[in-house]
């Protein structure tokens, strides 16, 4: 369970996405030398941002690159933005994390939009692009929520599992790093412990980031098992992980 922390800890996501200004970055870089928890948070935010972007990445058509290169000389550079006098990392920390996450999601969404434009005649592709965008929006909403809380756990097979839960959103995001490839005919299934009953909460793949199925607000723990494909209605194998949900 994660307890309330000081202001500087809230800059982990913005630092991971290079969204801090110079004074903030210098202060947080110094803080990282002495805070193992923040170093772990930064590494996981970086991995999550990369997965969000690659989830919908599509190679751009050659014509897009050609037009972009031709247009560069005619684009006027924007003047640098400067901070208003008296603003520091303490006054900006409330917006740094949402802006950083929004930047990551916008990058991923731009690929989705490009893919949709490239295949505008394909209704199926448009449907998938829209679905990916909704998924990214849902994940971003949980990560940027003001009441988001984070917890970490390690599975028996060595995988690192991170949960970010938001009571106001009624959702939770789970990220796994280092999950081995499951045996043929099996899958990794997530569970929510609600009043002593383990309820199915979705599936996760190797090094994946997913939204939990269901509202985690009334649950006390997250479980992870390896189940026969395509999943089970209740756990049939010993838990690889059973960790307390953040509150």
Foldseek 3Di string as FASTA:
>chain_A
DDDDDDLLLLCLLLQLLVNDDDQNNVVNVVVVVPDPVSVVSSVVSNLQLVCLQVVLADDADPVVVVVVVVCPVVDDDDDDDDDDPPDDCNNCSLPSNLVSLVVSLVNSLVRLVRQCVVPVVDPVSVVVSVVSNVFSVLVSCQRSDPQWDKDWDAFQVGKIKMKIADQVSLKIKIFIEDDDADDPQKFKWKWFQAVNATATFGGAGYRGMGITRGGNPRTFWMWIDIGGPPDDRGDDDDTRDIGTDTD
